């Protein structure tokens, strides 16, 4: 909560780098379609896979290796 869109890239990249050895990771985006798209773009730019934890709850994603 409270993460601004302009801070997402830095936060997600830092989270991935810090926790890379613990993949799979979970990132919670909430229901914001804009936030979800930003996170997906960043994850894909890191050559990682992103899938919703559930197709009922699209506000939480699992990040894994390709």
Protein backbone atom coordinates (compact mmCIF):
# COMPACT_ATOMS: atom_id res chain seq x y z
CA UNK A 1 0.00 0.00 0.00
CA UNK A 2 1.12 3.52 -0.67
CA UNK A 3 3.67 2.75 -3.39
CA UNK A 4 3.65 5.43 -6.07
CA UNK A 5 3.84 4.41 -9.71
CA UNK A 6 7.04 6.40 -10.23
CA UNK A 7 8.78 4.31 -7.52
CA UNK A 8 7.71 0.89 -8.79
CA UNK A 9 10.62 0.22 -11.15
CA UNK A 10 13.29 0.84 -8.51
CA UNK A 11 11.41 -1.08 -5.80
CA UNK A 12 10.68 -4.14 -7.95
CA UNK A 13 14.20 -4.30 -9.37
CA UNK A 14 15.70 -4.03 -5.86
CA UNK A 15 13.30 -6.70 -4.56
CA UNK A 16 14.20 -9.08 -7.39
CA UNK A 17 17.94 -8.49 -7.05
CA UNK A 18 17.91 -8.86 -3.27
CA UNK A 19 15.83 -12.06 -3.37
CA UNK A 20 16.98 -13.61 -6.66
CA UNK A 21 18.33 -16.72 -4.94
CA UNK A 22 14.94 -17.29 -3.31
CA UNK A 23 12.91 -17.42 -6.54
CA UNK A 24 9.98 -18.05 -6.83
CA UNK A 25 8.90 -14.74 -5.33
CA UNK A 26 5.50 -13.21 -4.73
CA UNK A 27 4.66 -9.61 -5.53
CA UNK A 28 1.36 -8.13 -4.46
CA UNK A 29 0.16 -5.37 -6.77
CA UNK A 30 -3.38 -4.90 -5.54
CA UNK A 31 -6.21 -4.32 -7.97
CA UNK A 32 -4.66 -1.40 -9.88
CA UNK A 33 -4.43 -2.41 -13.54
CA UNK A 34 -1.75 0.25 -14.06
CA UNK A 35 0.36 -1.13 -11.20
CA UNK A 36 -0.06 -4.67 -12.51
CA UNK A 37 1.13 -3.65 -15.98
CA UNK A 38 4.14 -1.78 -14.57
CA UNK A 39 5.20 -4.77 -12.47
CA UNK A 40 4.73 -7.18 -15.39
CA UNK A 41 6.88 -5.00 -17.65
CA UNK A 42 9.67 -4.80 -15.06
CA UNK A 43 9.61 -8.52 -14.30
CA UNK A 44 9.74 -9.42 -17.99
CA UNK A 45 12.64 -6.99 -18.53
CA UNK A 46 14.54 -9.07 -15.94
CA UNK A 47 13.96 -12.18 -18.10
CA UNK A 48 11.66 -13.70 -15.52
CA UNK A 49 8.20 -15.22 -15.73
CA UNK A 50 5.15 -13.69 -14.03
CA UNK A 51 1.84 -15.43 -13.37
CA UNK A 52 -1.08 -14.61 -11.09
CA UNK A 53 -1.16 -16.66 -7.91
CA UNK A 54 -4.78 -17.35 -8.79
CA UNK A 55 -6.96 -16.35 -11.70
CA UNK A 56 -9.55 -15.31 -9.11
CA UNK A 57 -7.12 -12.88 -7.41
CA UNK A 58 -5.23 -10.88 -10.03
CA UNK A 59 -3.61 -8.65 -7.42
CA UNK A 60 -0.88 -11.13 -6.49
CA UNK A 61 1.78 -12.59 -8.79
CA UNK A 62 4.41 -15.33 -8.63
CA UNK A 63 7.76 -14.47 -10.17
CA UNK A 64 9.84 -17.41 -11.41
CA UNK A 65 12.63 -18.26 -13.84
CA UNK A 66 11.73 -18.78 -17.49
